[in-house]
């Protein structure tokens, strides 16, 4: 993955078809405090082989990419969550 990513703790729903739905995530801000965000809407990005996302992150067919709508200080914003199930099973939040 890339240095533009922040490690995230993610609560997600695991469906019977083995797909996952991100529900909430937590990151540690620059002051060392936990920030929690609820996912209002999400869309799983299609797998297009190896490419660079809008965040500048190189992903492959093994990377799960979720475009999520969250509310930050009352403003709706789209963010991307990245998950590498085959590699290290960690979640990351992409930063533009």
N, C-alpha and C. Protein backbone atom coordinates (compact mmCIF):
# COMPACT_ATOMS: atom_id res chain seq x y z
N UNK A 1 0.84 -1.18 0.00
CA UNK A 1 0.00 0.00 0.00
C UNK A 1 0.88 1.25 0.00
N UNK A 2 0.31 2.38 0.31
CA UNK A 2 0.96 3.66 0.06
C UNK A 2 1.01 4.50 1.33
N UNK A 3 1.94 5.47 1.37
CA UNK A 3 2.08 6.32 2.56
C UNK A 3 0.93 7.32 2.71
N UNK A 4 0.08 7.46 1.71
CA UNK A 4 -1.07 8.37 1.79
C UNK A 4 -2.24 7.73 2.53
N UNK A 5 -2.03 6.58 3.08
CA UNK A 5 -3.10 5.85 3.74
C UNK A 5 -2.97 5.92 5.25
N UNK A 6 -4.11 5.93 5.92
CA UNK A 6 -4.17 5.90 7.37
C UNK A 6 -4.77 4.56 7.77
N UNK A 7 -4.14 3.87 8.67
CA UNK A 7 -4.68 2.60 9.14
C UNK A 7 -6.00 2.86 9.86
N UNK A 8 -6.97 1.99 9.63
CA UNK A 8 -8.31 2.17 10.20
C UNK A 8 -8.81 0.88 10.83
N UNK A 9 -9.56 1.02 11.91
CA UNK A 9 -10.31 -0.09 12.48
C UNK A 9 -11.70 -0.02 11.86
N UNK A 10 -12.19 -1.14 11.32
CA UNK A 10 -13.47 -1.13 10.61
C UNK A 10 -14.40 -2.18 11.20
N UNK A 11 -15.64 -1.76 11.44
CA UNK A 11 -16.70 -2.70 11.78
C UNK A 11 -17.47 -2.93 10.49
N UNK A 12 -17.63 -4.21 10.13
CA UNK A 12 -18.33 -4.50 8.89
C UNK A 12 -19.26 -5.70 9.08
N UNK A 13 -20.19 -5.81 8.16
CA UNK A 13 -21.12 -6.93 8.13
C UNK A 13 -20.58 -7.95 7.13
N UNK A 14 -20.57 -9.20 7.54
CA UNK A 14 -20.15 -10.29 6.65
C UNK A 14 -21.40 -11.02 6.18
N UNK A 15 -21.63 -11.02 4.88
CA UNK A 15 -22.83 -11.63 4.33
C UNK A 15 -22.56 -13.10 3.99
N UNK A 16 -23.62 -13.86 3.81
CA UNK A 16 -23.49 -15.29 3.52
C UNK A 16 -22.80 -15.56 2.19
N UNK A 17 -22.82 -14.61 1.26
CA UNK A 17 -22.14 -14.79 -0.03
C UNK A 17 -20.66 -14.41 0.07
N UNK A 18 -20.15 -14.20 1.27
CA UNK A 18 -18.77 -13.84 1.60
C UNK A 18 -18.41 -12.39 1.27
N UNK A 19 -19.38 -11.59 0.87
CA UNK A 19 -19.11 -10.16 0.66
C UNK A 19 -19.14 -9.45 2.01
N UNK A 20 -18.55 -8.26 2.04
CA UNK A 20 -18.52 -7.48 3.27
C UNK A 20 -19.06 -6.09 3.02
N UNK A 21 -19.66 -5.52 4.07
CA UNK A 21 -20.23 -4.18 4.01
C UNK A 21 -19.64 -3.37 5.16
N UNK A 22 -18.87 -2.30 4.87
CA UNK A 22 -18.35 -1.47 5.96
C UNK A 22 -19.47 -0.66 6.60
N UNK A 23 -19.52 -0.67 7.92
CA UNK A 23 -20.58 0.03 8.65
C UNK A 23 -20.03 1.25 9.40
N UNK A 24 -18.87 1.10 10.01
CA UNK A 24 -18.28 2.17 10.82
C UNK A 24 -16.77 1.98 10.81
N UNK A 25 -16.03 3.09 10.89
CA UNK A 25 -14.58 2.97 11.01
C UNK A 25 -14.04 4.01 11.98
N UNK A 26 -12.85 3.68 12.50
CA UNK A 26 -12.19 4.54 13.47
C UNK A 26 -10.75 4.75 13.03
N UNK A 27 -10.31 6.00 13.12
CA UNK A 27 -8.91 6.34 12.85
C UNK A 27 -8.39 7.15 14.03
N UNK A 28 -7.08 7.25 14.13
CA UNK A 28 -6.44 8.09 15.14
C UNK A 28 -6.00 9.36 14.43
N UNK A 29 -6.46 10.52 14.92
CA UNK A 29 -6.12 11.80 14.27
C UNK A 29 -4.71 12.24 14.67
N UNK A 30 -4.29 13.40 14.16
CA UNK A 30 -2.94 13.91 14.42
C UNK A 30 -2.67 14.20 15.89
N UNK A 31 -3.72 14.43 16.68
CA UNK A 31 -3.57 14.68 18.12
C UNK A 31 -3.58 13.39 18.93
N UNK A 32 -3.67 12.24 18.25
CA UNK A 32 -3.68 10.95 18.94
C UNK A 32 -5.04 10.55 19.47
N UNK A 33 -6.09 11.26 19.06
CA UNK A 33 -7.44 10.96 19.52
C UNK A 33 -8.17 10.09 18.49
N UNK A 34 -9.03 9.20 18.99
CA UNK A 34 -9.85 8.37 18.11
C UNK A 34 -10.96 9.19 17.51
N UNK A 35 -11.17 9.03 16.21
CA UNK A 35 -12.31 9.62 15.52
C UNK A 35 -13.10 8.49 14.90
N UNK A 36 -14.42 8.50 15.13
CA UNK A 36 -15.29 7.44 14.63
C UNK A 36 -16.23 8.02 13.59
N UNK A 37 -16.38 7.30 12.49
CA UNK A 37 -17.26 7.73 11.40
C UNK A 37 -18.21 6.60 11.04
N UNK A 38 -19.48 6.93 10.90
CA UNK A 38 -20.48 5.97 10.45
C UNK A 38 -20.61 6.08 8.93
N UNK A 39 -20.65 4.94 8.27
CA UNK A 39 -20.80 4.92 6.82
C UNK A 39 -22.29 5.08 6.51
N UNK A 40 -22.63 6.17 5.82
CA UNK A 40 -24.03 6.45 5.47
C UNK A 40 -24.44 5.68 4.22
N UNK A 41 -23.56 5.67 3.22
CA UNK A 41 -23.76 4.95 1.97
C UNK A 41 -22.41 4.40 1.54
N UNK A 42 -22.43 3.34 0.74
CA UNK A 42 -21.18 2.82 0.22
C UNK A 42 -21.40 2.23 -1.16
N UNK A 43 -20.30 2.10 -1.87
CA UNK A 43 -20.30 1.44 -3.17
C UNK A 43 -18.97 0.71 -3.27
N UNK A 44 -19.03 -0.58 -3.60
CA UNK A 44 -17.80 -1.32 -3.79
C UNK A 44 -17.31 -1.06 -5.21
N UNK A 45 -16.09 -0.60 -5.33
CA UNK A 45 -15.52 -0.30 -6.64
C UNK A 45 -15.29 -1.59 -7.41
N UNK A 46 -15.52 -1.56 -8.72
CA UNK A 46 -15.27 -2.78 -9.52
C UNK A 46 -13.78 -3.10 -9.57
N UNK A 47 -13.48 -4.36 -9.73
CA UNK A 47 -12.09 -4.80 -9.82
C UNK A 47 -11.65 -4.66 -11.27
N UNK A 48 -10.64 -3.81 -11.49
CA UNK A 48 -10.18 -3.48 -12.83
C UNK A 48 -8.73 -3.86 -13.06
N UNK A 49 -8.24 -4.83 -12.33
CA UNK A 49 -6.82 -5.17 -12.43
C UNK A 49 -6.00 -4.22 -11.59
N UNK A 50 -4.75 -4.02 -11.96
CA UNK A 50 -3.88 -3.11 -11.23
C UNK A 50 -4.04 -1.70 -11.79
N UNK A 51 -4.32 -0.75 -10.91
CA UNK A 51 -4.48 0.65 -11.33
C UNK A 51 -4.25 1.57 -10.14
N UNK A 52 -4.21 2.85 -10.41
CA UNK A 52 -4.01 3.87 -9.37
C UNK A 52 -5.35 4.55 -9.11
N UNK A 53 -5.78 4.61 -7.85
CA UNK A 53 -7.06 5.22 -7.50
C UNK A 53 -6.93 6.75 -7.45
N UNK A 54 -8.06 7.42 -7.23
CA UNK A 54 -8.07 8.89 -7.11
C UNK A 54 -7.22 9.37 -5.94
N UNK A 55 -7.01 8.48 -4.95
CA UNK A 55 -6.18 8.81 -3.79
C UNK A 55 -4.69 8.65 -4.09
N UNK A 56 -4.37 8.15 -5.28
CA UNK A 56 -2.97 7.90 -5.62
C UNK A 56 -2.47 6.57 -5.10
N UNK A 57 -3.37 5.63 -4.85
CA UNK A 57 -3.03 4.33 -4.29
C UNK A 57 -3.07 3.28 -5.40
N UNK A 58 -2.01 2.49 -5.52
CA UNK A 58 -2.00 1.38 -6.47
C UNK A 58 -2.73 0.20 -5.85
N UNK A 59 -3.71 -0.35 -6.56
CA UNK A 59 -4.48 -1.49 -6.09
C UNK A 59 -4.44 -2.58 -7.15
N UNK A 60 -4.79 -3.80 -6.73
CA UNK A 60 -4.85 -4.94 -7.63
C UNK A 60 -6.22 -5.60 -7.50
N UNK A 61 -6.42 -6.71 -8.20
CA UNK A 61 -7.68 -7.44 -8.11
C UNK A 61 -7.93 -8.01 -6.71
N UNK A 62 -6.88 -8.14 -5.90
CA UNK A 62 -7.05 -8.65 -4.54
C UNK A 62 -7.53 -7.57 -3.57
N UNK A 63 -7.37 -6.30 -3.93
CA UNK A 63 -7.74 -5.20 -3.05
C UNK A 63 -9.23 -4.92 -3.13
N UNK A 64 -9.87 -4.86 -1.98
CA UNK A 64 -11.28 -4.45 -1.91
C UNK A 64 -11.28 -2.94 -1.69
N UNK A 65 -11.98 -2.21 -2.55
CA UNK A 65 -12.05 -0.75 -2.44
C UNK A 65 -13.51 -0.36 -2.26
N UNK A 66 -13.78 0.37 -1.18
CA UNK A 66 -15.14 0.83 -0.88
C UNK A 66 -15.16 2.35 -0.89
N UNK A 67 -16.03 2.91 -1.70
CA UNK A 67 -16.25 4.35 -1.71
C UNK A 67 -17.40 4.60 -0.75
N UNK A 68 -17.13 5.33 0.32
CA UNK A 68 -18.09 5.48 1.41
C UNK A 68 -18.44 6.94 1.64
N UNK A 69 -19.72 7.18 1.92
CA UNK A 69 -20.15 8.52 2.28
C UNK A 69 -20.21 8.59 3.80
N UNK A 70 -19.52 9.60 4.36
CA UNK A 70 -19.53 9.85 5.79
C UNK A 70 -19.87 11.31 6.02
N UNK A 71 -20.18 11.63 7.26
CA UNK A 71 -20.46 13.02 7.61
C UNK A 71 -19.34 13.53 8.51
N UNK A 72 -18.70 14.63 8.07
CA UNK A 72 -17.61 15.23 8.83
C UNK A 72 -17.99 16.68 9.12
N UNK A 73 -18.19 16.98 10.40
CA UNK A 73 -18.60 18.32 10.83
C UNK A 73 -19.85 18.80 10.09
N UNK A 74 -20.80 17.88 9.91
CA UNK A 74 -22.07 18.21 9.27
C UNK A 74 -22.03 18.24 7.76
N UNK A 75 -20.88 17.93 7.16
CA UNK A 75 -20.74 17.94 5.70
C UNK A 75 -20.55 16.51 5.21
N UNK A 76 -21.35 16.12 4.20
CA UNK A 76 -21.22 14.78 3.63
C UNK A 76 -20.00 14.76 2.72
N UNK A 77 -19.19 13.71 2.90
CA UNK A 77 -17.94 13.59 2.15
C UNK A 77 -17.75 12.13 1.72
N UNK A 78 -17.16 11.95 0.55
CA UNK A 78 -16.84 10.61 0.07
C UNK A 78 -15.39 10.30 0.42
N UNK A 79 -15.18 9.12 0.99
CA UNK A 79 -13.83 8.64 1.31
C UNK A 79 -13.71 7.22 0.76
N UNK A 80 -12.49 6.72 0.73
CA UNK A 80 -12.27 5.36 0.26
C UNK A 80 -11.63 4.52 1.35
N UNK A 81 -12.19 3.34 1.56
CA UNK A 81 -11.60 2.35 2.46
C UNK A 81 -11.00 1.25 1.60
N UNK A 82 -9.79 0.82 1.97
CA UNK A 82 -9.07 -0.22 1.24
C UNK A 82 -8.85 -1.41 2.17
N UNK A 83 -9.06 -2.61 1.63
CA UNK A 83 -8.87 -3.83 2.41
C UNK A 83 -8.11 -4.84 1.56
N UNK A 84 -7.07 -5.42 2.14
CA UNK A 84 -6.25 -6.42 1.45
C UNK A 84 -6.45 -7.78 2.13
N UNK A 85 -7.49 -8.54 1.75
CA UNK A 85 -7.76 -9.81 2.44
C UNK A 85 -6.69 -10.87 2.20
N UNK A 86 -6.01 -10.84 1.08
CA UNK A 86 -5.01 -11.85 0.76
C UNK A 86 -3.65 -11.54 1.37
N UNK A 87 -3.38 -10.26 1.64
CA UNK A 87 -2.05 -9.85 2.06
C UNK A 87 -1.92 -9.78 3.58
N UNK A 88 -2.45 -8.73 4.18
CA UNK A 88 -2.25 -8.54 5.62
C UNK A 88 -3.54 -8.32 6.41
N UNK A 89 -4.66 -8.42 5.74
CA UNK A 89 -5.98 -8.32 6.38
C UNK A 89 -6.15 -7.04 7.20
N UNK A 90 -5.60 -5.94 6.70
CA UNK A 90 -5.75 -4.65 7.38
C UNK A 90 -6.55 -3.70 6.50
N UNK A 91 -7.21 -2.76 7.15
CA UNK A 91 -7.99 -1.72 6.48
C UNK A 91 -7.23 -0.40 6.51
N UNK A 92 -7.41 0.38 5.43
CA UNK A 92 -6.79 1.70 5.34
C UNK A 92 -7.79 2.70 4.79
N UNK A 93 -7.66 3.93 5.22
CA UNK A 93 -8.46 5.04 4.72
C UNK A 93 -7.58 5.86 3.79
N UNK A 94 -8.07 6.11 2.56
CA UNK A 94 -7.31 6.89 1.61
C UNK A 94 -7.47 8.38 1.86
N UNK A 95 -6.37 9.12 1.75
CA UNK A 95 -6.36 10.55 1.95
C UNK A 95 -5.92 11.20 0.65
N UNK A 96 -6.74 12.12 0.14
CA UNK A 96 -6.40 12.83 -1.11
C UNK A 96 -5.24 13.77 -0.88
